[in-house]
N, C-alpha and C. Protein backbone atom coordinates (compact mmCIF):
# COMPACT_ATOMS: atom_id res chain seq x y z
N MET A 1 5.09 -2.80 -12.07
CA MET A 1 6.37 -2.81 -11.43
C MET A 1 7.14 -4.02 -11.95
N ILE A 2 8.39 -3.83 -12.27
CA ILE A 2 9.23 -4.90 -12.76
C ILE A 2 9.66 -5.80 -11.60
N THR A 3 9.59 -7.09 -11.79
CA THR A 3 9.97 -8.04 -10.75
C THR A 3 11.48 -8.26 -10.72
N LYS A 4 11.94 -9.02 -9.73
CA LYS A 4 13.37 -9.30 -9.61
C LYS A 4 13.95 -9.97 -10.85
N ASN A 5 13.19 -10.85 -11.47
CA ASN A 5 13.75 -11.57 -12.62
C ASN A 5 13.64 -10.76 -13.92
N THR A 6 13.07 -9.60 -13.86
CA THR A 6 12.92 -8.62 -14.95
C THR A 6 12.23 -9.14 -16.20
N THR A 7 11.62 -10.32 -16.14
CA THR A 7 10.88 -10.80 -17.30
C THR A 7 9.38 -10.74 -17.07
N ALA A 8 8.96 -10.27 -15.93
CA ALA A 8 7.54 -10.21 -15.63
C ALA A 8 7.23 -8.94 -14.85
N CYS A 9 5.97 -8.61 -14.79
CA CYS A 9 5.52 -7.46 -14.02
C CYS A 9 4.67 -7.96 -12.85
N ALA A 10 4.75 -7.25 -11.75
CA ALA A 10 3.95 -7.59 -10.58
C ALA A 10 2.88 -6.52 -10.40
N PRO A 11 1.63 -6.93 -10.16
CA PRO A 11 0.58 -5.94 -9.96
C PRO A 11 0.77 -5.25 -8.62
N GLN A 12 0.44 -4.00 -8.59
CA GLN A 12 0.46 -3.25 -7.34
C GLN A 12 -0.80 -2.42 -7.29
N ASN A 13 -1.49 -2.49 -6.16
CA ASN A 13 -2.71 -1.71 -6.04
C ASN A 13 -3.07 -1.56 -4.57
N ALA A 14 -3.84 -0.52 -4.32
CA ALA A 14 -4.40 -0.32 -2.99
C ALA A 14 -5.87 -0.76 -3.10
N ILE A 15 -6.37 -1.33 -2.02
CA ILE A 15 -7.74 -1.83 -2.03
C ILE A 15 -8.53 -1.11 -0.95
N SER A 16 -9.61 -0.51 -1.36
CA SER A 16 -10.49 0.13 -0.37
C SER A 16 -11.91 -0.34 -0.65
N THR A 17 -12.62 -0.65 0.39
CA THR A 17 -14.01 -1.07 0.25
C THR A 17 -14.88 0.18 0.31
N ARG A 18 -16.11 0.02 -0.07
CA ARG A 18 -17.03 1.17 0.02
C ARG A 18 -17.14 1.57 1.46
N SER A 19 -16.79 2.80 1.73
CA SER A 19 -16.73 3.25 3.10
C SER A 19 -17.30 4.65 3.21
N TYR A 20 -18.21 4.82 4.17
CA TYR A 20 -18.78 6.15 4.41
C TYR A 20 -17.68 7.15 4.78
N SER A 21 -16.73 6.71 5.59
CA SER A 21 -15.68 7.63 6.01
C SER A 21 -14.81 8.07 4.85
N LEU A 22 -14.51 7.17 3.91
CA LEU A 22 -13.73 7.55 2.73
C LEU A 22 -14.50 8.53 1.85
N ARG A 23 -15.76 8.26 1.64
CA ARG A 23 -16.57 9.19 0.84
C ARG A 23 -16.61 10.57 1.47
N ASN A 24 -16.74 10.59 2.80
CA ASN A 24 -16.77 11.85 3.52
C ASN A 24 -15.46 12.62 3.36
N LEU A 25 -14.32 11.94 3.49
CA LEU A 25 -13.03 12.59 3.35
C LEU A 25 -12.88 13.21 1.95
N ILE A 26 -13.29 12.47 0.94
CA ILE A 26 -13.19 12.99 -0.42
C ILE A 26 -14.10 14.20 -0.60
N ARG A 27 -15.32 14.10 -0.12
CA ARG A 27 -16.28 15.18 -0.23
C ARG A 27 -15.79 16.45 0.48
N GLU A 28 -15.12 16.26 1.63
CA GLU A 28 -14.63 17.40 2.41
C GLU A 28 -13.25 17.88 1.98
N GLY A 29 -12.67 17.22 0.96
CA GLY A 29 -11.36 17.64 0.48
C GLY A 29 -10.21 17.25 1.40
N LYS A 30 -10.42 16.26 2.23
CA LYS A 30 -9.38 15.80 3.17
C LYS A 30 -8.71 14.53 2.65
N THR A 31 -8.32 14.54 1.39
CA THR A 31 -7.76 13.36 0.77
C THR A 31 -6.45 12.93 1.40
N TYR A 32 -5.75 13.83 2.06
CA TYR A 32 -4.49 13.50 2.72
C TYR A 32 -4.69 12.48 3.85
N GLN A 33 -5.93 12.29 4.31
CA GLN A 33 -6.23 11.34 5.39
C GLN A 33 -6.63 9.95 4.88
N ILE A 34 -6.78 9.80 3.57
CA ILE A 34 -7.30 8.55 3.01
C ILE A 34 -6.40 7.36 3.34
N ASN A 35 -5.08 7.50 3.22
CA ASN A 35 -4.19 6.38 3.49
C ASN A 35 -4.33 5.88 4.94
N SER A 36 -4.52 6.79 5.87
CA SER A 36 -4.70 6.38 7.29
C SER A 36 -5.98 5.57 7.46
N VAL A 37 -7.04 5.99 6.80
CA VAL A 37 -8.31 5.27 6.90
C VAL A 37 -8.16 3.88 6.28
N ILE A 38 -7.46 3.79 5.16
CA ILE A 38 -7.26 2.49 4.53
C ILE A 38 -6.41 1.58 5.43
N GLU A 39 -5.36 2.12 6.03
CA GLU A 39 -4.53 1.33 6.94
C GLU A 39 -5.34 0.79 8.12
N THR A 40 -6.19 1.63 8.71
CA THR A 40 -6.96 1.19 9.86
C THR A 40 -8.16 0.35 9.47
N GLY A 41 -8.50 0.31 8.17
CA GLY A 41 -9.64 -0.48 7.70
C GLY A 41 -9.28 -1.87 7.23
N GLN A 42 -8.13 -2.35 7.67
CA GLN A 42 -7.66 -3.68 7.23
C GLN A 42 -8.67 -4.77 7.55
N GLN A 43 -9.32 -4.69 8.69
CA GLN A 43 -10.29 -5.73 9.07
C GLN A 43 -11.51 -5.73 8.16
N TYR A 44 -11.69 -4.66 7.35
CA TYR A 44 -12.79 -4.59 6.39
C TYR A 44 -12.34 -4.94 4.98
N GLY A 45 -11.12 -5.43 4.84
CA GLY A 45 -10.62 -5.83 3.54
C GLY A 45 -9.82 -4.76 2.80
N MET A 46 -9.59 -3.64 3.45
CA MET A 46 -8.80 -2.57 2.81
C MET A 46 -7.31 -2.90 2.89
N GLN A 47 -6.57 -2.48 1.91
CA GLN A 47 -5.12 -2.72 1.90
C GLN A 47 -4.45 -1.52 1.24
N SER A 48 -3.49 -0.94 1.95
CA SER A 48 -2.80 0.23 1.42
C SER A 48 -1.74 -0.18 0.39
N MET A 49 -1.34 0.78 -0.40
CA MET A 49 -0.28 0.56 -1.38
C MET A 49 1.00 0.14 -0.66
N ASP A 50 1.31 0.81 0.46
CA ASP A 50 2.54 0.47 1.20
C ASP A 50 2.53 -0.96 1.69
N ARG A 51 1.37 -1.41 2.18
CA ARG A 51 1.26 -2.80 2.66
C ARG A 51 1.43 -3.79 1.51
N MET A 52 0.83 -3.49 0.36
CA MET A 52 0.95 -4.37 -0.81
C MET A 52 2.41 -4.43 -1.28
N LEU A 53 3.08 -3.28 -1.32
CA LEU A 53 4.48 -3.26 -1.73
C LEU A 53 5.37 -4.02 -0.75
N ALA A 54 5.10 -3.89 0.54
CA ALA A 54 5.88 -4.63 1.55
C ALA A 54 5.68 -6.13 1.37
N GLU A 55 4.46 -6.56 1.06
CA GLU A 55 4.19 -7.98 0.84
C GLU A 55 4.90 -8.48 -0.42
N LEU A 56 4.90 -7.66 -1.46
CA LEU A 56 5.62 -8.04 -2.69
C LEU A 56 7.10 -8.20 -2.42
N HIS A 57 7.66 -7.32 -1.59
CA HIS A 57 9.08 -7.42 -1.25
C HIS A 57 9.36 -8.63 -0.38
N ARG A 58 8.56 -8.84 0.67
CA ARG A 58 8.77 -9.97 1.57
C ARG A 58 8.64 -11.30 0.85
N SER A 59 7.79 -11.36 -0.17
CA SER A 59 7.62 -12.61 -0.91
C SER A 59 8.74 -12.83 -1.92
N GLY A 60 9.60 -11.83 -2.09
CA GLY A 60 10.71 -11.96 -3.01
C GLY A 60 10.38 -11.57 -4.45
N THR A 61 9.19 -11.03 -4.65
CA THR A 61 8.76 -10.66 -5.99
C THR A 61 9.49 -9.44 -6.52
N VAL A 62 9.68 -8.45 -5.65
CA VAL A 62 10.39 -7.22 -6.05
C VAL A 62 11.48 -6.89 -5.04
N THR A 63 12.44 -6.12 -5.47
CA THR A 63 13.51 -5.72 -4.57
C THR A 63 12.99 -4.63 -3.64
N TYR A 64 13.71 -4.45 -2.55
CA TYR A 64 13.36 -3.38 -1.61
C TYR A 64 13.44 -2.03 -2.31
N GLU A 65 14.49 -1.84 -3.07
CA GLU A 65 14.71 -0.56 -3.74
C GLU A 65 13.58 -0.23 -4.72
N GLU A 66 13.15 -1.24 -5.49
CA GLU A 66 12.05 -1.03 -6.45
C GLU A 66 10.76 -0.67 -5.72
N ALA A 67 10.45 -1.41 -4.66
CA ALA A 67 9.23 -1.14 -3.90
C ALA A 67 9.29 0.23 -3.25
N ALA A 68 10.45 0.59 -2.72
CA ALA A 68 10.60 1.86 -2.01
C ALA A 68 10.37 3.07 -2.91
N THR A 69 10.55 2.91 -4.21
CA THR A 69 10.32 4.04 -5.11
C THR A 69 8.84 4.36 -5.27
N GLN A 70 7.95 3.45 -4.85
CA GLN A 70 6.52 3.61 -5.06
C GLN A 70 5.74 3.92 -3.78
N VAL A 71 6.38 3.91 -2.63
CA VAL A 71 5.64 4.03 -1.36
C VAL A 71 5.08 5.42 -1.13
N ILE A 72 4.06 5.48 -0.30
CA ILE A 72 3.45 6.74 0.09
C ILE A 72 4.10 7.26 1.37
N ASP A 73 4.31 6.36 2.34
CA ASP A 73 4.89 6.72 3.64
C ASP A 73 6.09 5.80 3.90
N ARG A 74 7.28 6.31 3.72
CA ARG A 74 8.50 5.49 3.82
C ARG A 74 8.67 4.85 5.19
N GLU A 75 8.39 5.58 6.28
CA GLU A 75 8.53 4.98 7.62
C GLU A 75 7.56 3.84 7.82
N ASN A 76 6.32 4.02 7.38
CA ASN A 76 5.33 2.96 7.49
C ASN A 76 5.75 1.75 6.66
N PHE A 77 6.24 1.99 5.47
CA PHE A 77 6.72 0.90 4.60
C PHE A 77 7.84 0.12 5.28
N GLN A 78 8.80 0.80 5.87
CA GLN A 78 9.90 0.12 6.55
C GLN A 78 9.38 -0.74 7.69
N ARG A 79 8.42 -0.24 8.42
CA ARG A 79 7.82 -0.99 9.53
C ARG A 79 7.11 -2.23 8.99
N LEU A 80 6.37 -2.07 7.89
CA LEU A 80 5.65 -3.19 7.30
C LEU A 80 6.60 -4.25 6.73
N VAL A 81 7.70 -3.83 6.16
CA VAL A 81 8.70 -4.77 5.62
C VAL A 81 9.26 -5.63 6.74
N LYS A 82 9.45 -5.02 7.92
CA LYS A 82 9.98 -5.77 9.07
C LYS A 82 8.91 -6.68 9.68
N GLY A 83 7.66 -6.53 9.25
CA GLY A 83 6.60 -7.40 9.74
C GLY A 83 5.93 -6.92 10.99
N HIS A 84 6.03 -5.64 11.30
CA HIS A 84 5.40 -5.12 12.52
C HIS A 84 4.09 -4.47 12.21
């Protein structure tokens, strides 16, 4: 993702730890539930793409518009940007 100063790139990634529940969702074909599991697994070190993008925006690394083009759940992203 291009940063505000357009001379550098900012890494963006989702982080998930080894989780029985994630493996089960993938095995059962319920991949649409993965983001919810990652969001609720924050205490285990998991971090969703939306949360990472909101942090990049709040830190001033990327613009809101640039981050918003990459989000999975726009409402969740807006909530995270506001810090809730």
